[in-house]
N, C-alpha and C. Protein backbone atom coordinates (compact mmCIF):
# COMPACT_ATOMS: atom_id res chain seq x y z
N MET A 1 0.63 -1.23 0.33
CA MET A 1 -0.19 -0.15 -0.37
C MET A 1 1.16 1.16 0.07
N SER A 2 0.48 1.99 -1.27
CA SER A 2 1.32 3.29 -0.84
C SER A 2 0.20 4.36 -1.15
N GLY A 3 1.10 5.59 -0.49
CA GLY A 3 0.19 6.88 -0.59
C GLY A 3 0.06 7.64 0.76
N HIS A 4 -0.42 8.40 0.86
CA HIS A 4 -0.66 9.33 2.00
C HIS A 4 -1.59 9.03 2.70
N VAL A 5 -0.75 8.81 4.20
CA VAL A 5 -2.13 8.37 5.35
C VAL A 5 -1.76 9.39 6.01
N PRO A 6 -3.62 9.87 5.82
CA PRO A 6 -3.81 10.93 7.30
C PRO A 6 -3.63 10.65 8.60
N GLN A 7 -2.66 12.05 9.40
CA GLN A 7 -2.26 11.95 10.75
C GLN A 7 -3.51 12.65 10.76
N HIS A 8 -3.17 12.32 12.15
CA HIS A 8 -4.53 12.95 12.94
C HIS A 8 -4.43 14.44 13.55
N SER A 9 -3.14 15.13 13.15
CA SER A 9 -3.21 16.56 12.96
C SER A 9 -3.56 16.89 11.45
N ASP A 10 -3.94 16.00 10.34
CA ASP A 10 -4.53 16.89 9.30
C ASP A 10 -5.56 16.75 8.94
N PRO A 11 -6.55 18.35 9.18
CA PRO A 11 -7.59 18.48 9.20
C PRO A 11 -8.27 18.08 7.58
N ALA A 12 -9.55 18.04 7.80
CA ALA A 12 -10.24 17.41 6.48
C ALA A 12 -10.46 19.14 5.82
N PRO A 13 -11.02 19.06 4.72
CA PRO A 13 -11.29 19.99 3.72
C PRO A 13 -12.15 21.01 4.85
N GLY A 14 -11.52 22.23 4.71
CA GLY A 14 -12.89 23.17 4.84
C GLY A 14 -12.54 23.33 6.60
N GLU A 15 -11.86 22.36 7.36
CA GLU A 15 -11.66 22.90 8.90
C GLU A 15 -10.78 23.47 9.44
N ARG A 16 -10.58 24.10 10.48
CA ARG A 16 -9.49 24.83 10.67
C ARG A 16 -8.08 24.23 11.17
N ARG A 17 -7.50 24.68 11.08
CA ARG A 17 -6.05 24.13 11.30
C ARG A 17 -5.46 24.43 12.83
N GLU A 18 -4.97 23.72 13.70
CA GLU A 18 -4.36 24.44 14.76
C GLU A 18 -3.67 25.69 14.89
N ASP A 19 -3.04 26.13 14.38
CA ASP A 19 -2.23 26.81 14.03
C ASP A 19 -3.09 28.40 13.73
N GLY A 20 -4.20 28.30 13.14
CA GLY A 20 -5.84 29.47 12.91
C GLY A 20 -6.01 29.45 11.16
N PRO A 21 -5.23 29.49 10.87
CA PRO A 21 -5.94 30.06 9.21
C PRO A 21 -6.76 28.89 8.29
N LEU A 22 -8.22 29.12 7.74
CA LEU A 22 -8.92 28.41 7.24
C LEU A 22 -8.00 27.32 6.03
N LEU A 23 -8.79 27.16 5.60
CA LEU A 23 -7.68 26.20 4.29
C LEU A 23 -8.41 26.81 3.41
N PHE A 24 -9.64 27.34 2.85
CA PHE A 24 -9.40 27.66 1.62
C PHE A 24 -9.87 29.46 1.80
N PRO A 25 -9.34 30.03 0.61
CA PRO A 25 -8.98 31.42 0.23
C PRO A 25 -10.47 32.00 0.45
N ALA A 26 -11.75 31.60 -0.01
CA ALA A 26 -13.14 32.11 0.47
C ALA A 26 -13.30 32.14 1.51
N ALA A 27 -12.86 31.09 2.51
CA ALA A 27 -13.39 30.85 4.15
C ALA A 27 -12.26 32.25 4.68
N ARG A 28 -10.78 32.58 4.08
CA ARG A 28 -9.89 33.28 4.34
C ARG A 28 -10.73 35.03 4.15
N ARG A 29 -11.09 34.70 2.67
CA ARG A 29 -11.88 36.31 2.81
C ARG A 29 -13.26 36.62 3.48
N ARG A 30 -13.99 35.46 3.58
CA ARG A 30 -15.21 35.98 4.36
C ARG A 30 -14.61 36.36 5.92
N ARG A 31 -13.68 35.68 6.33
CA ARG A 31 -13.11 35.62 8.07
C ARG A 31 -12.13 37.55 7.65
N ALA A 32 -11.83 37.88 6.67
CA ALA A 32 -11.11 39.12 6.87
C ALA A 32 -12.39 40.40 6.86
N ALA A 33 -13.28 39.93 5.78
CA ALA A 33 -14.43 40.75 5.78
C ALA A 33 -15.42 41.02 7.09
N ALA A 34 -15.57 39.49 7.58
CA ALA A 34 -16.05 40.11 9.12
C ALA A 34 -15.04 40.79 10.26
N ALA A 35 -13.55 40.71 9.98
CA ALA A 35 -12.77 41.45 10.85
C ALA A 35 -12.86 42.89 10.15
N ARG A 36 -13.18 43.18 9.15
CA ARG A 36 -13.16 44.57 8.61
C ARG A 36 -14.33 45.28 9.24
N ALA A 37 -15.45 44.44 9.20
CA ALA A 37 -16.83 45.03 9.65
C ALA A 37 -16.87 45.20 11.25
N ARG A 38 -16.21 44.08 12.19
CA ARG A 38 -15.87 44.83 13.20
C ARG A 38 -15.20 45.73 13.30
N ARG A 39 -13.85 45.80 13.03
CA ARG A 39 -13.28 47.05 13.07
C ARG A 39 -14.11 49.01 12.88
N LYS A 40 -15.05 48.57 11.87
CA LYS A 40 -15.65 49.68 11.51
C LYS A 40 -16.79 49.80 12.65
N ARG A 41 -17.45 48.97 13.23
CA ARG A 41 -18.09 48.68 14.17
C ARG A 41 -17.27 49.32 15.73
N LEU A 42 -16.44 48.92 15.58
CA LEU A 42 -15.65 49.60 16.84
C LEU A 42 -15.31 50.76 16.83
N LEU A 43 -14.91 51.25 15.84
CA LEU A 43 -14.78 52.60 15.62
C LEU A 43 -16.14 53.36 15.65
N ARG A 44 -16.81 53.29 15.23
CA ARG A 44 -18.49 54.21 15.51
C ARG A 44 -18.22 54.06 17.00
N ILE A 45 -18.33 52.84 17.78
CA ILE A 45 -18.52 53.08 19.02
C ILE A 45 -17.61 53.57 19.80
N ASP A 46 -16.29 53.48 19.49
CA ASP A 46 -15.07 54.70 19.61
C ASP A 46 -15.44 55.93 19.32
N ILE A 47 -16.01 56.51 18.63
CA ILE A 47 -16.51 58.00 18.04
C ILE A 47 -17.64 58.46 18.83
N ALA A 48 -18.27 57.55 19.07
CA ALA A 48 -19.84 58.29 20.22
C ALA A 48 -19.03 58.10 21.11
N LEU A 49 -18.67 57.16 22.32
CA LEU A 49 -17.65 57.44 23.49
C LEU A 49 -17.08 58.56 23.52
N ALA A 50 -16.00 58.98 22.26
CA ALA A 50 -15.95 60.42 22.40
C ALA A 50 -16.32 61.49 22.28
N LEU A 51 -17.65 61.55 21.42
CA LEU A 51 -18.44 62.74 21.82
C LEU A 51 -19.07 62.76 23.15
N LEU A 52 -19.32 61.71 23.60
CA LEU A 52 -19.99 61.94 24.96
C LEU A 52 -19.16 62.16 25.90
N LEU A 53 -17.96 61.65 25.90
CA LEU A 53 -17.08 62.18 26.93
C LEU A 53 -16.73 63.62 26.54
N ALA A 54 -16.38 64.13 25.40
CA ALA A 54 -16.48 65.37 25.41
C ALA A 54 -17.38 66.12 25.59
N LEU A 55 -18.73 65.77 25.24
CA LEU A 55 -19.94 66.61 26.28
C LEU A 55 -19.90 66.90 27.36
N ALA A 56 -19.40 65.33 27.98
CA ALA A 56 -19.37 65.86 29.45
C ALA A 56 -18.23 66.35 30.03
N THR A 57 -17.45 66.57 29.74
CA THR A 57 -16.27 67.83 29.62
C THR A 57 -16.63 68.53 29.51
N LEU A 58 -17.64 69.18 28.56
CA LEU A 58 -17.88 70.74 28.60
C LEU A 58 -18.66 71.59 29.42
N VAL A 59 -19.74 70.34 29.91
CA VAL A 59 -20.34 70.07 30.92
C VAL A 59 -19.64 70.61 32.71
N LEU A 60 -19.20 69.68 32.67
CA LEU A 60 -18.67 69.57 33.87
C LEU A 60 -17.25 70.37 34.25
N ALA A 61 -16.75 70.85 32.73
CA ALA A 61 -15.03 71.28 33.08
C ALA A 61 -15.42 72.51 34.03
N PRO A 62 -14.28 72.99 34.50
CA PRO A 62 -14.32 74.45 35.14
C PRO A 62 -14.15 75.82 34.20
N GLY A 63 -13.42 74.85 33.03
CA GLY A 63 -13.16 76.10 32.21
C GLY A 63 -12.69 75.84 30.84
N LEU A 64 -13.27 76.26 29.61
CA LEU A 64 -12.86 75.74 28.54
C LEU A 64 -11.20 75.70 27.88
N ALA A 65 -10.41 76.45 28.61
CA ALA A 65 -9.03 76.27 28.71
C ALA A 65 -9.02 74.85 28.70
N MET A 66 -9.27 74.35 29.85
CA MET A 66 -9.05 72.85 30.67
C MET A 66 -9.09 72.26 29.04
N VAL A 67 -10.71 72.16 29.13
CA VAL A 67 -11.20 71.63 27.56
C VAL A 67 -10.77 71.26 26.84
N ALA A 68 -9.67 72.58 26.57
CA ALA A 68 -9.20 72.57 24.84
C ALA A 68 -7.74 71.53 25.39
N LEU A 69 -7.54 71.92 26.33
CA LEU A 69 -5.99 70.43 26.52
C LEU A 69 -6.25 69.60 26.86
N ILE A 70 -7.35 68.90 27.49
CA ILE A 70 -7.80 67.98 26.80
C ILE A 70 -8.28 66.73 25.64
N ALA A 71 -8.86 68.24 24.82
CA ALA A 71 -9.23 67.59 23.68
C ALA A 71 -8.07 67.89 22.82
N LEU A 72 -7.09 68.34 23.23
CA LEU A 72 -5.69 68.01 22.43
C LEU A 72 -4.93 66.62 22.63
N GLY A 73 -5.07 66.80 23.84
CA GLY A 73 -4.55 65.36 24.24
C GLY A 73 -5.12 64.54 23.75
N VAL A 74 -6.10 64.43 23.79
CA VAL A 74 -7.14 63.11 22.90
C VAL A 74 -7.03 63.06 21.64
N LEU A 75 -6.94 64.24 20.97
CA LEU A 75 -6.22 64.28 19.61
C LEU A 75 -5.26 63.58 18.93
N VAL A 76 -4.20 63.78 19.92
CA VAL A 76 -2.88 63.16 19.61
C VAL A 76 -2.68 61.94 20.04
N LEU A 77 -3.25 61.07 21.02
CA LEU A 77 -3.92 59.56 21.36
C LEU A 77 -4.26 59.29 19.87
N CYS A 78 -5.47 59.68 19.36
CA CYS A 78 -6.15 59.51 18.38
C CYS A 78 -5.32 59.26 17.47
N ALA A 79 -4.50 60.15 16.94
CA ALA A 79 -3.69 60.26 16.12
C ALA A 79 -2.23 59.12 15.75
N LEU A 80 -1.93 58.73 17.17
CA LEU A 80 -0.65 57.82 17.29
C LEU A 80 -1.54 56.26 17.09
N SER A 81 -3.04 56.27 17.62
CA SER A 81 -3.94 55.25 17.00
C SER A 81 -3.67 54.56 15.89
N LEU A 82 -4.00 55.92 15.33
CA LEU A 82 -4.23 55.61 13.88
C LEU A 82 -2.90 55.31 13.15
N VAL A 83 -1.58 55.60 13.89
CA VAL A 83 -0.82 55.59 12.86
C VAL A 83 -0.31 54.16 13.06
N VAL A 84 -0.48 53.73 14.28
CA VAL A 84 0.09 52.29 15.05
C VAL A 84 -0.49 51.41 14.18
N GLU A 85 -2.13 51.24 14.04
CA GLU A 85 -3.13 50.79 12.97
C GLU A 85 -2.53 50.51 11.47
N ARG A 86 -2.00 51.78 10.81
CA ARG A 86 -1.93 51.72 9.76
C ARG A 86 -0.07 50.84 9.38
N LEU A 87 0.50 50.95 10.33
CA LEU A 87 1.96 50.39 10.23
C LEU A 87 1.55 49.20 10.49
N ARG A 88 0.70 48.29 11.23
CA ARG A 88 0.52 47.18 11.37
C ARG A 88 0.02 46.21 10.01
N ALA A 89 -1.09 47.21 9.98
CA ALA A 89 -1.73 46.63 8.81
C ALA A 89 -0.88 46.79 7.60
N ARG A 90 -0.01 47.55 7.33
CA ARG A 90 0.64 47.43 6.16
C ARG A 90 1.98 46.38 6.56
N ARG A 91 2.49 46.27 7.61
CA ARG A 91 3.06 45.22 7.84
C ARG A 91 2.73 43.49 7.59
N THR A 92 1.27 43.43 8.06
CA THR A 92 0.69 42.09 7.58
C THR A 92 0.49 42.44 6.13
N LEU A 93 0.10 43.04 5.65
CA LEU A 93 -0.27 42.91 3.90
C LEU A 93 1.60 42.79 3.24
N ARG A 94 2.33 43.17 3.64
CA ARG A 94 4.00 42.76 3.53
C ARG A 94 4.04 41.27 3.36
N ARG A 95 3.61 40.80 4.98
CA ARG A 95 3.83 39.39 5.01
C ARG A 95 3.03 38.33 4.41
N ALA A 96 1.88 38.78 3.98
CA ALA A 96 1.36 38.13 3.63
C ALA A 96 1.63 37.91 2.02
N ALA A 97 1.82 39.30 1.29
CA ALA A 97 2.82 38.99 -0.17
C ALA A 97 3.69 38.23 0.00
N SER A 98 5.01 38.53 0.90
CA SER A 98 5.72 37.48 0.92
C SER A 98 5.42 36.35 1.24
N ARG A 99 4.76 35.82 2.05
CA ARG A 99 4.35 34.75 1.56
C ARG A 99 3.56 33.80 0.33
N ASP A 100 2.69 34.55 -0.36
CA ASP A 100 2.39 34.46 -1.84
C ASP A 100 3.46 34.37 -2.46
N ALA A 101 3.82 35.05 -2.83
CA ALA A 101 5.12 35.01 -3.72
C ALA A 101 6.09 33.78 -3.31
N ALA A 102 6.29 32.99 -2.00
CA ALA A 102 7.00 32.17 -1.70
C ALA A 102 6.52 31.00 -2.18
N GLY A 103 5.23 31.12 -1.95
CA GLY A 103 4.36 29.68 -1.97
C GLY A 103 4.38 29.57 -3.86
N ALA A 104 3.90 30.74 -4.52
CA ALA A 104 4.01 30.79 -5.91
C ALA A 104 5.38 30.03 -6.15
N ALA A 105 6.28 30.49 -6.06
CA ALA A 105 7.52 30.35 -6.27
C ALA A 105 8.40 28.18 -6.03
N ARG A 106 7.35 28.15 -5.13
CA ARG A 106 7.80 26.63 -5.02
C ARG A 106 6.65 26.17 -5.64
N THR A 107 5.48 26.29 -6.08
CA THR A 107 4.35 25.23 -6.80
C THR A 107 4.43 25.41 -8.31
N GLN A 108 5.40 26.36 -8.39
CA GLN A 108 5.83 26.72 -10.64
C GLN A 108 6.73 25.50 -10.72
N ARG A 109 6.40 24.67 -11.71
CA ARG A 109 7.14 23.98 -12.13
C ARG A 109 8.04 24.23 -13.32
N PRO A 110 9.41 23.83 -13.32
CA PRO A 110 10.20 24.36 -14.31
C PRO A 110 9.70 23.75 -15.82
N ARG A 111 10.15 24.49 -16.45
CA ARG A 111 9.45 24.23 -18.39
C ARG A 111 10.84 23.68 -18.90
N ALA A 112 9.88 22.74 -19.89
CA ALA A 112 10.87 22.32 -20.56
C ALA A 112 11.58 22.98 -21.91
N LEU A 113 13.17 22.84 -22.25
CA LEU A 113 13.73 23.75 -23.15
C LEU A 113 12.78 22.69 -24.30
N PRO A 114 12.66 24.42 -24.94
CA PRO A 114 12.24 23.68 -26.62
C PRO A 114 13.38 22.93 -27.19
């Protein structure tokens, strides 16, 4: 008998591997779309909370100068958060592209000479 004997660690098609990613590209796209939707929803919640906090600060603060200083601090923190998020996304895209390129190079068969 020859051939590959499935090991216990081999997932069935469409099952999740132990290291995380799904086997099929369509499943990865659905997972990425769900992650984008989750990030958008969290962004909306963050904006709503920031507006609520800004309104509460305006009502409760002893002076507008103090509110302005706090608002500047919050804006700086938001800008830093956006920069970090973009850097992480760019790094993730680079890793995925290099993995795809390495996988494509391994799967290409040598061409026969004419």
